[in-house]
Amino acid sequence: MKRAVTLLERLMGAVAFRSGAPGGSPEWDLRIREVSEALDAAFEEARAAGGLTGDRLRIHFRADEVILENEPLWALRGWPWIARLNSGGIGGIQLARPVSQAQLENFIVDLEAALAGEVIRDVRSEPDRWGAFDVTLLPQGGEEGEVDAGVEGAGGDAPITSGSSLEPFPDEREVEAAAWIHDRVAQGASLPHVEAEALVRVLATGLDQRPRSILRLFQPRTPEDYPATHATNTALLAMMVADERGYSAREAWEIGLAGLLHDIGMSRISNRLIHAERRLEGTEREIIEDHPREGARMLMKSGVPLVVPAIVAWEHHLRFDGGGYPKRAHLREPHPASRIVHLTSTYAALRADRPYSPGWDHPRALAFIQSGLGGAFDPDVGGTFIRILSEWNPPLATSPRPSSPDTACEGPEGPD
């Protein structure tokens, strides 16, 4: 997305110019014209690439990355403007066309003011000031769920887009993306790692920019719908734990990717075994218990070796006390990411309706996790998880559609 990179560079170049010179000069007019031309070019590029949804370019500034829609702009990784925008309370911008020169100028002027320390302008009372431009505000403290944007003193636990309301997150699109990934692998295709990485970036950005009060997990509509919902739920929970434990944004993203893909080895196992309403023994049990090894193999052969996700795929059924499977030749602690995904995937599995067991309610599932600390689960990771889940009872939303062959966990008698 070279033209999107050019657009952002010219936009922030105009902001920098505005900070040192008043508007109205020939050079200012030139800067505005360059931004407008770059905006047109970026829209054409996005539309031609099929990456434009709706009538806006949605851009997020997260950690050291710039994300356009779902795609990172690698050329801007570590861009100094990311930290400056974040420090000004701006987590993202939304750009649109057509836009008048006056609206574009107003938007640049107000961005410059925010970076100079002023409270970002509340444009809801004057919608023509920016036209279809908008900003996403970062949290400023206050009580969870407050949603007033652009007003001095407005709090909230999440960034707010000016003049808009927050929808529950994740939504059906994230589950459908997870379903598509699992469908592809189940049909024998190689792992679409680019799409998997993009999905986790969407989830990570959503966690950064929304209050916990609107976060939710998904309940499978049918047994075949389980893989996508379980993968999405596990990734979301794993990144919450990683963030709470002080991992960097990059590390938390990688743990989220591992959570999304931890059960990928189940994708090619027969539904007859996965949906069996009886306890599996002998060879059938061995086939199920081979899915960690198969998943790790698939991830290491995915074109771009996914090392941490492969480790987690191999280890996500290993217990903290040394039990679990696959069998270990030497007793060693699982990778920290594996310990997080083991616990979060277990909670997610316990909450889900399965052919052999209805989903547990939140208190019962949390009590199960509590009882397993020091045995099945790392007590430090478990302490973090219980602290998060004691303050947040995740609501369950019904999944949008049947998805793919099941990446089942073992259920309450043998949790994932």
Protein backbone atom coordinates (compact mmCIF):
# COMPACT_ATOMS: atom_id res chain seq x y z
CA MET A 1 0.00 0.00 0.00
CA LYS A 2 2.61 2.52 -1.10
CA ARG A 3 0.08 5.27 -1.76
CA ALA A 4 -1.37 4.94 1.73
CA VAL A 5 2.13 5.42 3.12
CA THR A 6 2.57 8.52 0.97
CA LEU A 7 -0.80 9.85 2.14
CA LEU A 8 0.10 9.53 5.81
CA GLU A 9 3.52 11.07 5.30
CA ARG A 10 2.01 14.06 3.49
CA LEU A 11 -0.81 14.42 6.03
CA MET A 12 1.55 14.54 8.99
CA GLY A 13 3.96 16.70 7.01
CA ALA A 14 1.14 19.23 6.70
CA VAL A 15 0.50 18.95 10.45
CA ALA A 16 4.18 19.64 11.12
CA PHE A 17 4.16 22.60 8.71
CA ARG A 18 1.03 24.01 10.38
CA SER A 19 2.74 23.92 13.79
CA GLY A 20 5.37 26.36 12.60
CA ALA A 21 3.46 28.57 10.18
CA PRO A 22 -0.05 30.00 9.92
CA GLY A 23 -2.37 28.93 7.14
CA GLY A 24 -3.05 30.98 4.05
CA SER A 25 0.42 30.98 2.50
CA PRO A 26 1.14 29.56 -0.96
CA GLU A 27 3.18 26.76 0.62
CA TRP A 28 0.26 25.87 2.91
CA ASP A 29 -2.04 25.67 -0.09
CA LEU A 30 0.48 23.41 -1.80
CA ARG A 31 0.59 21.11 1.22
CA ILE A 32 -3.20 20.84 1.27
CA ARG A 33 -3.28 20.08 -2.44
CA GLU A 34 -0.63 17.35 -2.02
CA VAL A 35 -2.60 15.72 0.80
CA SER A 36 -5.80 15.83 -1.26
CA GLU A 37 -4.09 14.25 -4.27
CA ALA A 38 -2.50 11.58 -2.06
CA LEU A 39 -5.92 10.87 -0.55
CA ASP A 40 -7.43 10.26 -3.97
CA ALA A 41 -4.52 8.00 -4.95
CA ALA A 42 -4.73 5.99 -1.71
CA PHE A 43 -8.45 5.40 -2.21
CA GLU A 44 -7.88 4.19 -5.76
CA GLU A 45 -5.12 1.86 -4.59
CA ALA A 46 -7.23 0.43 -1.76
CA ARG A 47 -10.24 -0.05 -4.02
CA ALA A 48 -8.17 -1.78 -6.71
CA ALA A 49 -6.64 -4.10 -4.11
CA GLY A 50 -10.05 -5.00 -2.70
CA GLY A 51 -9.03 -3.71 0.72
CA LEU A 52 -11.58 -0.92 1.03
CA THR A 53 -14.65 -1.58 3.15
CA GLY A 54 -17.23 1.18 3.05
CA ASP A 55 -16.37 4.74 2.19
CA ARG A 56 -13.50 5.35 4.61
CA LEU A 57 -9.86 4.41 5.07
CA ARG A 58 -9.55 3.30 8.69
CA ILE A 59 -6.05 3.65 10.08
CA HIS A 60 -4.87 2.62 13.57
CA PHE A 61 -1.68 3.61 15.37
CA ARG A 62 -0.72 0.79 17.72
CA ALA A 63 2.58 0.29 19.55
CA ASP A 64 5.13 0.69 16.75
CA GLU A 65 2.80 -0.14 13.88
CA VAL A 66 0.41 1.60 11.52
CA ILE A 67 -2.49 -0.63 10.46
CA LEU A 68 -4.66 0.23 7.45
CA GLU A 69 -7.95 -1.66 7.77
CA ASN A 70 -6.48 -5.08 8.66
CA GLU A 71 -3.09 -4.70 6.99
CA PRO A 72 0.08 -3.40 8.65
CA LEU A 73 1.98 -0.76 6.68
CA TRP A 74 5.44 -2.22 7.13
CA ALA A 75 7.14 0.83 5.63
CA LEU A 76 5.90 2.86 8.61
CA ARG A 77 6.93 0.47 11.36
CA GLY A 78 8.54 2.52 14.12
CA TRP A 79 7.31 5.76 12.52
CA PRO A 80 7.89 8.60 15.06
CA TRP A 81 4.41 10.00 14.42
CA ILE A 82 2.83 6.91 16.02
CA ALA A 83 4.07 7.83 19.49
CA ARG A 84 3.27 11.51 18.95
CA LEU A 85 -0.31 10.77 17.91
CA ASN A 86 -0.78 8.36 20.80
CA SER A 87 0.58 10.92 23.26
CA GLY A 88 -1.97 13.37 21.86
CA GLY A 89 -4.74 10.90 22.70
CA ILE A 90 -5.26 9.72 19.11
CA GLY A 91 -5.34 5.98 18.44
CA GLY A 92 -6.51 6.17 14.87
CA ILE A 93 -7.97 8.27 12.11
CA GLN A 94 -10.61 7.74 9.46
CA LEU A 95 -10.16 9.43 6.12
CA ALA A 96 -12.80 9.83 3.43
CA ARG A 97 -13.47 11.42 0.08
CA PRO A 98 -14.78 13.54 -1.43
CA VAL A 99 -13.87 16.22 1.08
CA SER A 100 -13.77 19.98 0.73
CA GLN A 101 -10.51 21.86 1.10
CA ALA A 102 -11.93 23.65 4.14
CA GLN A 103 -12.76 20.34 5.88
CA LEU A 104 -9.30 18.97 5.13
CA GLU A 105 -7.68 22.14 6.48
CA ASN A 106 -9.83 22.03 9.62
CA PHE A 107 -8.88 18.41 10.25
CA ILE A 108 -5.15 19.14 9.94
CA VAL A 109 -5.41 22.21 12.14
CA ASP A 110 -7.25 20.24 14.84
CA LEU A 111 -4.73 17.40 14.68
CA GLU A 112 -1.92 19.88 15.17
CA ALA A 113 -3.75 21.40 18.15
CA ALA A 114 -4.16 17.96 19.75
CA LEU A 115 -0.44 17.25 19.33
CA ALA A 116 0.29 20.63 20.92
CA GLY A 117 -1.55 19.52 24.04
CA GLU A 118 -5.06 20.83 23.46
CA VAL A 119 -8.12 18.64 23.95
CA ILE A 120 -9.23 17.21 20.64
CA ARG A 121 -12.13 19.19 19.25
CA ASP A 122 -15.66 17.85 19.72
CA VAL A 123 -17.07 18.07 16.20
CA ARG A 124 -20.43 16.47 16.87
CA SER A 125 -22.02 19.88 17.29
CA GLU A 126 -20.47 21.06 14.00
CA PRO A 127 -20.46 18.01 11.69
CA ASP A 128 -19.47 20.03 8.64
CA ARG A 129 -16.14 20.99 10.20
CA TRP A 130 -14.43 17.69 9.27
CA GLY A 131 -17.00 16.20 6.95
CA ALA A 132 -16.49 12.44 6.93
CA PHE A 133 -13.06 12.63 8.57
CA ASP A 134 -12.86 11.30 12.12
CA VAL A 135 -10.46 10.32 14.89
CA THR A 136 -10.35 7.45 17.35
CA LEU A 137 -9.51 8.61 20.86
CA LEU A 138 -7.39 6.63 23.28
CA PRO A 139 -8.53 5.95 26.88
CA GLN A 140 -8.12 8.84 29.30
CA GLY A 141 -9.19 7.05 32.47
CA GLY A 142 -12.59 7.34 34.10
CA GLU A 143 -15.29 4.75 34.51
CA GLU A 144 -15.68 1.88 32.12
CA GLY A 145 -18.32 2.47 29.53
CA GLU A 146 -18.28 6.27 29.41
CA VAL A 147 -18.43 7.25 25.78
CA ASP A 148 -18.27 11.03 25.48
CA ALA A 149 -15.68 11.90 22.86
CA GLY A 150 -13.80 15.12 22.43
CA VAL A 151 -15.11 16.74 25.60
CA GLU A 152 -12.63 17.80 28.23
CA GLY A 153 -12.95 15.58 31.27
CA ALA A 154 -14.68 12.76 29.39
CA GLY A 155 -13.29 9.46 30.56
CA GLY A 156 -13.86 5.98 29.30
CA ASP A 157 -11.89 2.76 29.16
CA ALA A 158 -11.65 2.83 25.38
CA PRO A 159 -11.06 5.12 22.45
CA ILE A 160 -14.20 6.56 20.95
CA THR A 161 -14.83 7.58 17.39
CA SER A 162 -16.29 11.08 17.32
CA GLY A 163 -20.08 10.99 17.05
CA SER A 164 -20.36 7.18 16.98
CA SER A 165 -21.46 4.44 19.38
CA LEU A 166 -19.43 1.36 20.27
CA GLU A 167 -20.61 -2.03 19.05
CA PRO A 168 -19.89 -5.34 20.84
CA PHE A 169 -16.50 -6.79 19.98
CA PRO A 170 -15.46 -9.09 18.40
CA ASP A 171 -18.23 -9.26 15.84
CA GLU A 172 -19.28 -11.82 13.26
CA ARG A 173 -16.59 -10.77 10.81
CA GLU A 174 -13.80 -11.96 13.09
CA VAL A 175 -15.46 -15.36 13.60
CA GLU A 176 -16.09 -15.68 9.86
CA ALA A 177 -12.42 -14.91 9.18
CA ALA A 178 -11.36 -17.60 11.67
CA ALA A 179 -13.81 -20.02 10.03
CA TRP A 180 -12.35 -19.30 6.59
CA ILE A 181 -8.82 -20.00 7.87
CA HIS A 182 -9.87 -23.33 9.40
CA ASP A 183 -11.91 -24.24 6.32
CA ARG A 184 -8.89 -23.73 4.08
CA VAL A 185 -6.65 -25.92 6.20
CA ALA A 186 -9.32 -28.60 6.61
CA GLN A 187 -9.62 -28.78 2.80
CA GLY A 188 -5.91 -29.52 2.49
CA ALA A 189 -4.60 -26.05 1.63
CA SER A 190 -1.56 -24.58 3.34
CA LEU A 191 -2.17 -22.27 6.27
CA PRO A 192 -3.12 -18.75 5.07
CA HIS A 193 -0.72 -17.16 7.54
CA VAL A 194 -1.11 -13.61 6.21
CA GLU A 195 -4.85 -13.72 6.86
CA ALA A 196 -4.31 -15.31 10.28
CA GLU A 197 -1.86 -12.58 11.26
CA ALA A 198 -4.23 -9.88 10.01
CA LEU A 199 -7.10 -11.32 12.05
CA VAL A 200 -5.03 -11.26 15.23
CA ARG A 201 -4.09 -7.64 14.54
CA VAL A 202 -7.78 -6.79 14.31
CA LEU A 203 -8.41 -8.51 17.64
CA ALA A 204 -5.42 -6.80 19.25
CA THR A 205 -6.52 -3.38 18.01
CA GLY A 206 -10.05 -4.05 19.24
CA LEU A 207 -8.76 -4.91 22.70
CA ASP A 208 -6.73 -1.71 22.78
CA GLN A 209 -9.60 0.49 21.70
CA ARG A 210 -12.68 -0.82 23.49
CA PRO A 211 -13.84 -1.06 27.10
CA ARG A 212 -14.07 -4.48 28.64
CA SER A 213 -17.79 -3.94 29.08
CA ILE A 214 -18.43 -4.53 25.35
CA LEU A 215 -16.02 -7.45 24.87
CA ARG A 216 -17.62 -10.86 24.44
CA LEU A 217 -16.99 -14.49 23.62
CA PHE A 218 -18.82 -16.56 21.02
CA GLN A 219 -20.97 -19.64 21.58
CA PRO A 220 -20.97 -22.18 18.70
CA ARG A 221 -24.29 -22.49 16.94
CA THR A 222 -23.57 -26.08 15.88
CA PRO A 223 -20.76 -28.57 16.61
CA GLU A 224 -19.25 -27.73 13.21
CA ASP A 225 -19.12 -24.08 14.24
CA TYR A 226 -16.85 -24.76 17.21
CA PRO A 227 -13.37 -24.33 15.65
CA ALA A 228 -13.80 -20.69 14.66
CA THR A 229 -15.47 -19.64 17.90
CA HIS A 230 -12.95 -21.48 20.06
CA ALA A 231 -9.99 -20.06 18.13
CA THR A 232 -11.35 -16.51 18.32
CA ASN A 233 -12.21 -16.76 22.01
CA THR A 234 -8.84 -18.26 22.93
CA ALA A 235 -6.89 -15.62 21.00
CA LEU A 236 -8.85 -12.80 22.64
CA LEU A 237 -8.42 -14.17 26.17
CA ALA A 238 -4.73 -14.98 25.64
CA MET A 239 -3.95 -11.43 24.53
CA MET A 240 -5.83 -10.00 27.50
CA VAL A 241 -3.69 -12.10 29.85
CA ALA A 242 -0.48 -11.24 28.00
CA ASP A 243 -1.25 -7.53 28.14
CA GLU A 244 -2.12 -7.71 31.84
CA ARG A 245 1.16 -9.49 32.53
CA GLY A 246 3.19 -6.73 30.89
CA TYR A 247 4.15 -8.33 27.59
CA SER A 248 5.01 -5.94 24.78
CA ALA A 249 2.45 -5.33 22.06
CA ARG A 250 4.45 -7.52 19.67
CA GLU A 251 4.71 -10.36 22.20
CA ALA A 252 1.00 -10.16 23.04
CA TRP A 253 0.17 -10.28 19.32
CA GLU A 254 2.33 -13.39 18.88
CA ILE A 255 0.60 -15.06 21.84
CA GLY A 256 -2.74 -14.15 20.28
CA LEU A 257 -1.64 -15.76 17.01
CA ALA A 258 -0.65 -18.88 18.95
CA GLY A 259 -4.08 -18.86 20.60
CA LEU A 260 -5.80 -18.58 17.23
CA LEU A 261 -3.85 -21.50 15.77
CA HIS A 262 -3.26 -23.75 18.79
CA ASP A 263 -5.77 -26.40 17.67
CA ILE A 264 -5.04 -26.26 13.94
CA GLY A 265 -3.87 -29.88 14.09
CA MET A 266 -7.48 -30.95 14.75
CA SER A 267 -8.64 -29.57 11.42
CA ARG A 268 -7.94 -32.75 9.47
CA ILE A 269 -9.24 -35.26 12.01
CA SER A 270 -12.48 -37.05 11.18
CA ASN A 271 -15.65 -35.47 12.56
CA ARG A 272 -16.70 -38.98 13.57
CA LEU A 273 -14.04 -38.91 16.27
CA ILE A 274 -14.31 -35.27 17.15
CA HIS A 275 -18.07 -35.36 17.71
CA ALA A 276 -18.18 -38.79 19.34
CA GLU A 277 -20.50 -38.78 22.36
CA ARG A 278 -18.47 -41.42 24.17
CA ARG A 279 -15.06 -41.68 25.72
CA LEU A 280 -12.42 -42.54 23.12
CA GLU A 281 -9.99 -45.37 23.79
CA GLY A 282 -7.06 -47.05 22.10
CA THR A 283 -6.23 -46.05 18.54
CA GLU A 284 -9.01 -43.47 18.40
CA ARG A 285 -7.62 -41.74 21.46
CA GLU A 286 -4.12 -41.83 19.99
CA ILE A 287 -5.36 -40.07 16.84
CA ILE A 288 -6.88 -37.26 18.91
CA GLU A 289 -3.79 -36.94 21.09
CA ASP A 290 -1.59 -36.62 18.02
CA HIS A 291 -3.15 -33.26 17.05
CA PRO A 292 -0.54 -31.17 18.95
CA ARG A 293 2.27 -32.80 17.01
CA GLU A 294 0.43 -32.44 13.71
CA GLY A 295 -0.41 -28.80 14.41
CA ALA A 296 3.20 -27.94 15.21
CA ARG A 297 4.33 -29.66 12.00
CA MET A 298 1.80 -27.71 9.93
CA LEU A 299 2.82 -24.38 11.42
CA MET A 300 6.52 -24.96 10.87
CA LYS A 301 5.81 -25.82 7.21
CA SER A 302 3.47 -22.89 6.59
CA GLY A 303 5.80 -20.99 4.26
CA VAL A 304 6.77 -18.53 6.99
CA PRO A 305 7.69 -20.71 9.98
CA LEU A 306 5.56 -19.62 12.95
CA VAL A 307 7.89 -20.65 15.74
CA VAL A 308 6.00 -19.56 18.87
CA PRO A 309 2.60 -20.69 17.54
CA ALA A 310 4.20 -24.04 16.62
CA ILE A 311 5.61 -24.43 20.14
CA VAL A 312 2.21 -23.61 21.61
CA ALA A 313 0.45 -26.01 19.25
CA TRP A 314 2.78 -28.76 20.50
CA GLU A 315 2.54 -27.84 24.19
CA HIS A 316 -1.00 -26.59 24.78
CA HIS A 317 -2.10 -29.86 26.41
CA LEU A 318 0.91 -30.01 28.76
CA ARG A 319 0.11 -29.46 32.41
CA PHE A 320 2.11 -27.29 34.79
CA ASP A 321 2.76 -30.33 37.04
CA GLY A 322 4.31 -32.38 34.23
CA GLY A 323 1.27 -34.29 33.04
CA GLY A 324 -0.68 -33.98 29.83
CA TYR A 325 0.29 -34.93 26.30
CA PRO A 326 2.27 -35.44 24.08
CA LYS A 327 4.62 -37.45 26.30
CA ARG A 328 7.80 -35.59 27.18
CA ALA A 329 11.18 -37.29 27.06
CA HIS A 330 12.51 -34.77 29.58
CA LEU A 331 10.51 -32.87 32.16
CA ARG A 332 10.71 -29.17 31.47
CA GLU A 333 8.37 -26.28 31.86
CA PRO A 334 6.23 -25.41 28.85
CA HIS A 335 6.89 -22.11 27.07
CA PRO A 336 5.24 -19.10 28.82
CA ALA A 337 2.96 -18.63 25.80
CA SER A 338 1.90 -22.28 26.05
CA ARG A 339 0.97 -21.82 29.70
CA ILE A 340 -1.23 -18.85 28.82
CA VAL A 341 -2.94 -20.59 25.90
CA HIS A 342 -3.42 -23.82 27.86
CA LEU A 343 -5.36 -21.96 30.53
CA THR A 344 -7.34 -19.60 28.30
CA SER A 345 -8.29 -22.35 25.85
CA THR A 346 -9.52 -24.46 28.76
CA TYR A 347 -11.79 -21.70 30.02
CA ALA A 348 -13.06 -21.07 26.48
CA ALA A 349 -13.76 -24.80 26.01
CA LEU A 350 -15.60 -25.09 29.31
CA ARG A 351 -17.93 -22.21 28.39
CA ALA A 352 -18.89 -23.73 25.03
CA ASP A 353 -21.77 -26.10 24.32
CA ARG A 354 -20.40 -29.44 23.04
CA PRO A 355 -22.15 -32.58 21.75
CA TYR A 356 -21.28 -34.40 24.98
CA SER A 357 -21.64 -31.53 27.47
CA PRO A 358 -23.49 -28.21 27.74
CA GLY A 359 -21.29 -25.21 28.37
CA TRP A 360 -20.55 -24.26 31.96
CA ASP A 361 -21.52 -20.89 33.36
CA HIS A 362 -18.85 -18.35 34.25
CA PRO A 363 -18.61 -19.03 38.03
CA ARG A 364 -18.29 -22.78 37.54
CA ALA A 365 -15.64 -22.44 34.80
CA LEU A 366 -13.66 -19.94 36.86
CA ALA A 367 -13.84 -22.23 39.91
CA PHE A 368 -12.44 -25.05 37.75
CA ILE A 369 -9.48 -22.87 36.77
CA GLN A 370 -8.95 -21.88 40.41
CA SER A 371 -8.92 -25.52 41.52
CA GLY A 372 -6.28 -26.37 38.91
CA LEU A 373 -3.68 -23.78 39.88
CA GLY A 374 -0.36 -25.47 40.59
CA GLY A 375 -1.59 -28.67 38.98
CA ALA A 376 -2.92 -28.24 35.47
CA PHE A 377 -2.22 -24.52 35.32
CA ASP A 378 0.65 -22.16 36.06
CA PRO A 379 -0.41 -20.38 39.29
CA ASP A 380 1.07 -17.04 38.22
CA VAL A 381 -0.76 -17.08 34.89
CA GLY A 382 -3.86 -18.33 36.68
CA GLY A 383 -3.72 -15.50 39.18
CA THR A 384 -3.68 -12.95 36.37
CA PHE A 385 -6.52 -14.69 34.58
CA ILE A 386 -8.70 -14.92 37.68
CA ARG A 387 -8.10 -11.25 38.44
CA ILE A 388 -9.31 -10.31 34.94
CA LEU A 389 -12.26 -12.69 34.93
CA SER A 390 -13.34 -11.80 38.47
CA GLU A 391 -14.01 -8.28 37.22
CA TRP A 392 -15.38 -9.28 33.82
CA ASN A 393 -18.02 -11.93 33.23
CA PRO A 394 -17.72 -12.35 29.46
CA PRO A 395 -21.12 -12.50 27.76
CA LEU A 396 -21.66 -15.15 25.10
CA ALA A 397 -22.93 -14.30 21.62
CA THR A 398 -24.19 -16.95 19.23
CA SER A 399 -21.80 -17.55 16.37
CA PRO A 400 -22.85 -16.23 12.95
CA ARG A 401 -22.74 -19.43 10.91
CA PRO A 402 -21.55 -23.03 10.86
CA SER A 403 -17.89 -22.94 10.07
CA SER A 404 -15.59 -25.89 9.60
CA PRO A 405 -14.54 -29.32 10.84
CA ASP A 406 -14.19 -29.16 14.60
CA THR A 407 -10.94 -28.35 16.34
CA ALA A 408 -12.44 -29.78 19.47
CA CYS A 409 -11.01 -29.67 22.92
CA GLU A 410 -11.59 -32.47 25.33
CA GLY A 411 -14.31 -30.82 27.42
CA PRO A 412 -14.59 -30.73 31.21
CA GLU A 413 -13.29 -34.28 31.68
CA GLY A 414 -10.07 -33.49 29.85
CA PRO A 415 -9.84 -29.77 29.16
CA ASP A 416 -8.01 -28.29 26.25
